[in-house]
Amino acid sequence: MNVGASVKVHAGAAAEFVIVSIDGEDAMIESVCDDVPGRFPFHARLERLVAIES
């Protein structure tokens, strides 16, 4: 996975995120929806993220 990739936090998740940055095995991700209350980037383990095929 690379910066800018669209991902979900697990296979059954409905929400879509984008990878903002990668540091080792951790990624900083942020919601792709601009109108989400409390929208902010947060850390997630790369190994747990599921890529969204376009």
PDB file of N, CA and C in Angstrom:
ATOM      1  N   MET A   1       0.847  -1.181   0.000  1.00  0.00           N
ATOM      2  CA  MET A   1       0.000   0.000   0.000  1.00  0.00           C
ATOM      3  C   MET A   1       0.884   1.233   0.000  1.00  0.00           C
ATOM      4  N   ASN A   2       0.365   2.280  -0.601  1.00  0.00           N
ATOM      5  CA  ASN A   2       1.121   3.523  -0.738  1.00  0.00           C
ATOM      6  C   ASN A   2       0.303   4.705  -0.253  1.00  0.00           C
ATOM      7  N   VAL A   3       0.965   5.827  -0.025  1.00  0.00           N
ATOM      8  CA  VAL A   3       0.290   7.076   0.319  1.00  0.00           C
ATOM      9  C   VAL A   3      -0.690   7.400  -0.805  1.00  0.00           C
ATOM     10  N   GLY A   4      -1.912   7.785  -0.422  1.00  0.00           N
ATOM     11  CA  GLY A   4      -2.947   8.116  -1.385  1.00  0.00           C
ATOM     12  C   GLY A   4      -3.882   6.961  -1.704  1.00  0.00           C
ATOM     13  N   ALA A   5      -3.552   5.756  -1.230  1.00  0.00           N
ATOM     14  CA  ALA A   5      -4.394   4.589  -1.488  1.00  0.00           C
ATOM     15  C   ALA A   5      -5.675   4.664  -0.671  1.00  0.00           C
ATOM     16  N   SER A   6      -6.769   4.183  -1.246  1.00  0.00           N
ATOM     17  CA  SER A   6      -8.049   4.085  -0.544  1.00  0.00           C
ATOM     18  C   SER A   6      -8.096   2.759   0.189  1.00  0.00           C
ATOM     19  N   VAL A   7      -8.512   2.810   1.468  1.00  0.00           N
ATOM     20  CA  VAL A   7      -8.519   1.616   2.312  1.00  0.00           C
ATOM     21  C   VAL A   7      -9.734   1.602   3.232  1.00  0.00           C
ATOM     22  N   LYS A   8      -9.981   0.422   3.804  1.00  0.00           N
ATOM     23  CA  LYS A   8     -10.951   0.238   4.879  1.00  0.00           C
ATOM     24  C   LYS A   8     -10.163  -0.291   6.072  1.00  0.00           C
ATOM     25  N   VAL A   9     -10.705  -0.100   7.278  1.00  0.00           N
ATOM     26  CA  VAL A   9      -9.992  -0.555   8.473  1.00  0.00           C
ATOM     27  C   VAL A   9     -10.121  -2.056   8.694  1.00  0.00           C
ATOM     28  N   HIS A  10     -11.093  -2.700   8.054  1.00  0.00           N
ATOM     29  CA  HIS A  10     -11.218  -4.162   8.025  1.00  0.00           C
ATOM     30  C   HIS A  10     -12.169  -4.534   6.900  1.00  0.00           C
ATOM     31  N   ALA A  11     -12.191  -5.791   6.519  1.00  0.00           N
ATOM     32  CA  ALA A  11     -12.939  -6.235   5.342  1.00  0.00           C
ATOM     33  C   ALA A  11     -14.430  -5.912   5.393  1.00  0.00           C
ATOM     34  N   GLY A  12     -15.045  -5.948   6.559  1.00  0.00           N
ATOM     35  CA  GLY A  12     -16.474  -5.694   6.675  1.00  0.00           C
ATOM     36  C   GLY A  12     -16.849  -4.238   6.882  1.00  0.00           C
ATOM     37  N   ALA A  13     -15.879  -3.357   6.922  1.00  0.00           N
ATOM     38  CA  ALA A  13     -16.140  -1.933   7.187  1.00  0.00           C
ATOM     39  C   ALA A  13     -16.812  -1.257   5.999  1.00  0.00           C
ATOM     40  N   ALA A  14     -17.645  -0.272   6.284  1.00  0.00           N
ATOM     41  CA  ALA A  14     -18.301   0.498   5.234  1.00  0.00           C
ATOM     42  C   ALA A  14     -17.556   1.798   4.944  1.00  0.00           C
ATOM     43  N   ALA A  15     -16.909   2.354   5.966  1.00  0.00           N
ATOM     44  CA  ALA A  15     -16.235   3.648   5.820  1.00  0.00           C
ATOM     45  C   ALA A  15     -14.961   3.507   4.996  1.00  0.00           C
ATOM     46  N   GLU A  16     -14.699   4.520   4.180  1.00  0.00           N
ATOM     47  CA  GLU A  16     -13.511   4.537   3.331  1.00  0.00           C
ATOM     48  C   GLU A  16     -12.543   5.605   3.831  1.00  0.00           C
ATOM     49  N   PHE A  17     -11.258   5.267   3.811  1.00  0.00           N
ATOM     50  CA  PHE A  17     -10.202   6.161   4.268  1.00  0.00           C
ATOM     51  C   PHE A  17      -9.127   6.266   3.196  1.00  0.00           C
ATOM     52  N   VAL A  18      -8.274   7.264   3.320  1.00  0.00           N
ATOM     53  CA  VAL A  18      -7.124   7.410   2.437  1.00  0.00           C
ATOM     54  C   VAL A  18      -5.871   7.432   3.302  1.00  0.00           C
ATOM     55  N   ILE A  19      -4.803   6.809   2.813  1.00  0.00           N
ATOM     56  CA  ILE A  19      -3.539   6.812   3.539  1.00  0.00           C
ATOM     57  C   ILE A  19      -2.864   8.161   3.330  1.00  0.00           C
ATOM     58  N   VAL A  20      -2.610   8.873   4.423  1.00  0.00           N
ATOM     59  CA  VAL A  20      -1.995  10.198   4.390  1.00  0.00           C
ATOM     60  C   VAL A  20      -0.469  10.090   4.451  1.00  0.00           C
ATOM     61  N   SER A  21       0.031   9.164   5.283  1.00  0.00           N
ATOM     62  CA  SER A  21       1.470   8.952   5.393  1.00  0.00           C
ATOM     63  C   SER A  21       1.729   7.547   5.915  1.00  0.00           C
ATOM     64  N   ILE A  22       2.957   7.078   5.702  1.00  0.00           N
ATOM     65  CA  ILE A  22       3.369   5.761   6.174  1.00  0.00           C
ATOM     66  C   ILE A  22       4.693   5.915   6.909  1.00  0.00           C
ATOM     67  N   ASP A  23       4.762   5.289   8.095  1.00  0.00           N
ATOM     68  CA  ASP A  23       5.982   5.305   8.898  1.00  0.00           C
ATOM     69  C   ASP A  23       6.231   3.883   9.371  1.00  0.00           C
ATOM     70  N   GLY A  24       7.088   3.168   8.686  1.00  0.00           N
ATOM     71  CA  GLY A  24       7.359   1.778   9.029  1.00  0.00           C
ATOM     72  C   GLY A  24       6.134   0.915   8.784  1.00  0.00           C
ATOM     73  N   GLU A  25       5.622   0.303   9.854  1.00  0.00           N
ATOM     74  CA  GLU A  25       4.449  -0.572   9.759  1.00  0.00           C
ATOM     75  C   GLU A  25       3.143   0.149  10.079  1.00  0.00           C
ATOM     76  N   ASP A  26       3.220   1.446  10.343  1.00  0.00           N
ATOM     77  CA  ASP A  26       2.036   2.240  10.681  1.00  0.00           C
ATOM     78  C   ASP A  26       1.679   3.193   9.558  1.00  0.00           C
ATOM     79  N   ALA A  27       0.377   3.417   9.418  1.00  0.00           N
ATOM     80  CA  ALA A  27      -0.117   4.383   8.438  1.00  0.00           C
ATOM     81  C   ALA A  27      -0.956   5.427   9.155  1.00  0.00           C
ATOM     82  N   MET A  28      -0.915   6.647   8.667  1.00  0.00           N
ATOM     83  CA  MET A  28      -1.806   7.700   9.123  1.00  0.00           C
ATOM     84  C   MET A  28      -2.928   7.731   8.091  1.00  0.00           C
ATOM     85  N   ILE A  29      -4.183   7.507   8.536  1.00  0.00           N
ATOM     86  CA  ILE A  29      -5.298   7.487   7.602  1.00  0.00           C
ATOM     87  C   ILE A  29      -6.319   8.545   7.984  1.00  0.00           C
ATOM     88  N   GLU A  30      -7.130   8.956   7.000  1.00  0.00           N
ATOM     89  CA  GLU A  30      -8.149   9.981   7.220  1.00  0.00           C
ATOM     90  C   GLU A  30      -9.359   9.641   6.372  1.00  0.00           C
ATOM     91  N   SER A  31     -10.543   9.931   6.865  1.00  0.00           N
ATOM     92  CA  SER A  31     -11.777   9.673   6.135  1.00  0.00           C
ATOM     93  C   SER A  31     -11.785  10.424   4.806  1.00  0.00           C
ATOM     94  N   VAL A  32     -12.369   9.808   3.777  1.00  0.00           N
ATOM     95  CA  VAL A  32     -12.481  10.478   2.479  1.00  0.00           C
ATOM     96  C   VAL A  32     -13.686  11.404   2.440  1.00  0.00           C
ATOM     97  N   CYS A  33     -14.601  11.277   3.403  1.00  0.00           N
ATOM     98  CA  CYS A  33     -15.797  12.125   3.470  1.00  0.00           C
ATOM     99  C   CYS A  33     -15.472  13.427   4.188  1.00  0.00           C
ATOM    100  N   ASP A  34     -15.700  14.536   3.500  1.00  0.00           N
ATOM    101  CA  ASP A  34     -15.398  15.843   4.086  1.00  0.00           C
ATOM    102  C   ASP A  34     -16.377  16.256   5.177  1.00  0.00           C
ATOM    103  N   ASP A  35     -17.587  15.694   5.160  1.00  0.00           N
ATOM    104  CA  ASP A  35     -18.622  16.140   6.097  1.00  0.00           C
ATOM    105  C   ASP A  35     -18.753  15.247   7.335  1.00  0.00           C
ATOM    106  N   VAL A  36     -17.767  14.421   7.609  1.00  0.00           N
ATOM    107  CA  VAL A  36     -17.802  13.555   8.786  1.00  0.00           C
ATOM    108  C   VAL A  36     -17.483  14.388  10.031  1.00  0.00           C
ATOM    109  N   PRO A  37     -18.379  14.357  11.047  1.00  0.00           N
ATOM    110  CA  PRO A  37     -18.096  15.105  12.280  1.00  0.00           C
ATOM    111  C   PRO A  37     -16.822  14.589  12.950  1.00  0.00           C
ATOM    112  N   GLY A  38     -15.989  15.487  13.399  1.00  0.00           N
ATOM    113  CA  GLY A  38     -14.759  15.110  14.081  1.00  0.00           C
ATOM    114  C   GLY A  38     -13.738  14.453  13.167  1.00  0.00           C
ATOM    115  N   ARG A  39     -13.782  14.769  11.892  1.00  0.00           N
ATOM    116  CA  ARG A  39     -12.849  14.179  10.920  1.00  0.00           C
ATOM    117  C   ARG A  39     -11.423  14.586  11.272  1.00  0.00           C
ATOM    118  N   PHE A  40     -10.562  13.594  11.456  1.00  0.00           N
ATOM    119  CA  PHE A  40      -9.163  13.841  11.766  1.00  0.00           C
ATOM    120  C   PHE A  40      -8.354  12.612  11.373  1.00  0.00           C
ATOM    121  N   PRO A  41      -7.092  12.782  11.049  1.00  0.00           N
ATOM    122  CA  PRO A  41      -6.251  11.627  10.733  1.00  0.00           C
ATOM    123  C   PRO A  41      -5.915  10.838  11.995  1.00  0.00           C
ATOM    124  N   PHE A  42      -5.758   9.514  11.853  1.00  0.00           N
ATOM    125  CA  PHE A  42      -5.358   8.685  12.979  1.00  0.00           C
ATOM    126  C   PHE A  42      -4.497   7.527  12.484  1.00  0.00           C
ATOM    127  N   HIS A  43      -3.793   6.901  13.406  1.00  0.00           N
ATOM    128  CA  HIS A  43      -2.867   5.812  13.080  1.00  0.00           C
ATOM    129  C   HIS A  43      -3.593   4.480  12.959  1.00  0.00           C
ATOM    130  N   ALA A  44      -3.094   3.649  12.041  1.00  0.00           N
ATOM    131  CA  ALA A  44      -3.575   2.275  11.894  1.00  0.00           C
ATOM    132  C   ALA A  44      -2.403   1.413  11.431  1.00  0.00           C
ATOM    133  N   ARG A  45      -2.401   0.148  11.820  1.00  0.00           N
ATOM    134  CA  ARG A  45      -1.366  -0.782  11.368  1.00  0.00           C
ATOM    135  C   ARG A  45      -1.614  -1.120   9.910  1.00  0.00           C
ATOM    136  N   LEU A  46      -0.583  -1.033   9.088  1.00  0.00           N
ATOM    137  CA  LEU A  46      -0.705  -1.353   7.661  1.00  0.00           C
ATOM    138  C   LEU A  46      -1.244  -2.763   7.448  1.00  0.00           C
ATOM    139  N   GLU A  47      -0.807  -3.716   8.258  1.00  0.00           N
ATOM    140  CA  GLU A  47      -1.210  -5.107   8.083  1.00  0.00           C
ATOM    141  C   GLU A  47      -2.704  -5.323   8.274  1.00  0.00           C
ATOM    142  N   ARG A  48      -3.378  -4.417   8.968  1.00  0.00           N
ATOM    143  CA  ARG A  48      -4.814  -4.559   9.229  1.00  0.00           C
ATOM    144  C   ARG A  48      -5.678  -3.862   8.179  1.00  0.00           C
ATOM    145  N   LEU A  49      -5.109  -2.974   7.405  1.00  0.00           N
ATOM    146  CA  LEU A  49      -5.876  -2.238   6.410  1.00  0.00           C
ATOM    147  C   LEU A  49      -6.193  -3.112   5.204  1.00  0.00           C
ATOM    148  N   VAL A  50      -7.365  -2.856   4.601  1.00  0.00           N
ATOM    149  CA  VAL A  50      -7.804  -3.586   3.419  1.00  0.00           C
ATOM    150  C   VAL A  50      -7.886  -2.608   2.264  1.00  0.00           C
ATOM    151  N   ALA A  51      -7.143  -2.887   1.197  1.00  0.00           N
ATOM    152  CA  ALA A  51      -7.154  -2.002   0.028  1.00  0.00           C
ATOM    153  C   ALA A  51      -8.517  -2.058  -0.660  1.00  0.00           C
ATOM    154  N   ILE A  52      -8.956  -0.900  -1.148  1.00  0.00           N
ATOM    155  CA  ILE A  52     -10.191  -0.810  -1.916  1.00  0.00           C
ATOM    156  C   ILE A  52      -9.813  -0.804  -3.384  1.00  0.00           C
ATOM    157  N   GLU A  53     -10.272  -1.802  -4.096  1.00  0.00           N
ATOM    158  CA  GLU A  53      -9.990  -1.883  -5.543  1.00  0.00           C
ATOM    159  C   GLU A  53     -10.879  -0.901  -6.277  1.00  0.00           C
ATOM    160  N   SER A  54     -10.300  -0.166  -7.215  1.00  0.00           N
ATOM    161  CA  SER A  54     -11.104   0.816  -7.967  1.00  0.00           C
ATOM    162  C   SER A  54     -11.455   0.303  -9.336  1.00  0.00           C
TER     163      SER A  54
END
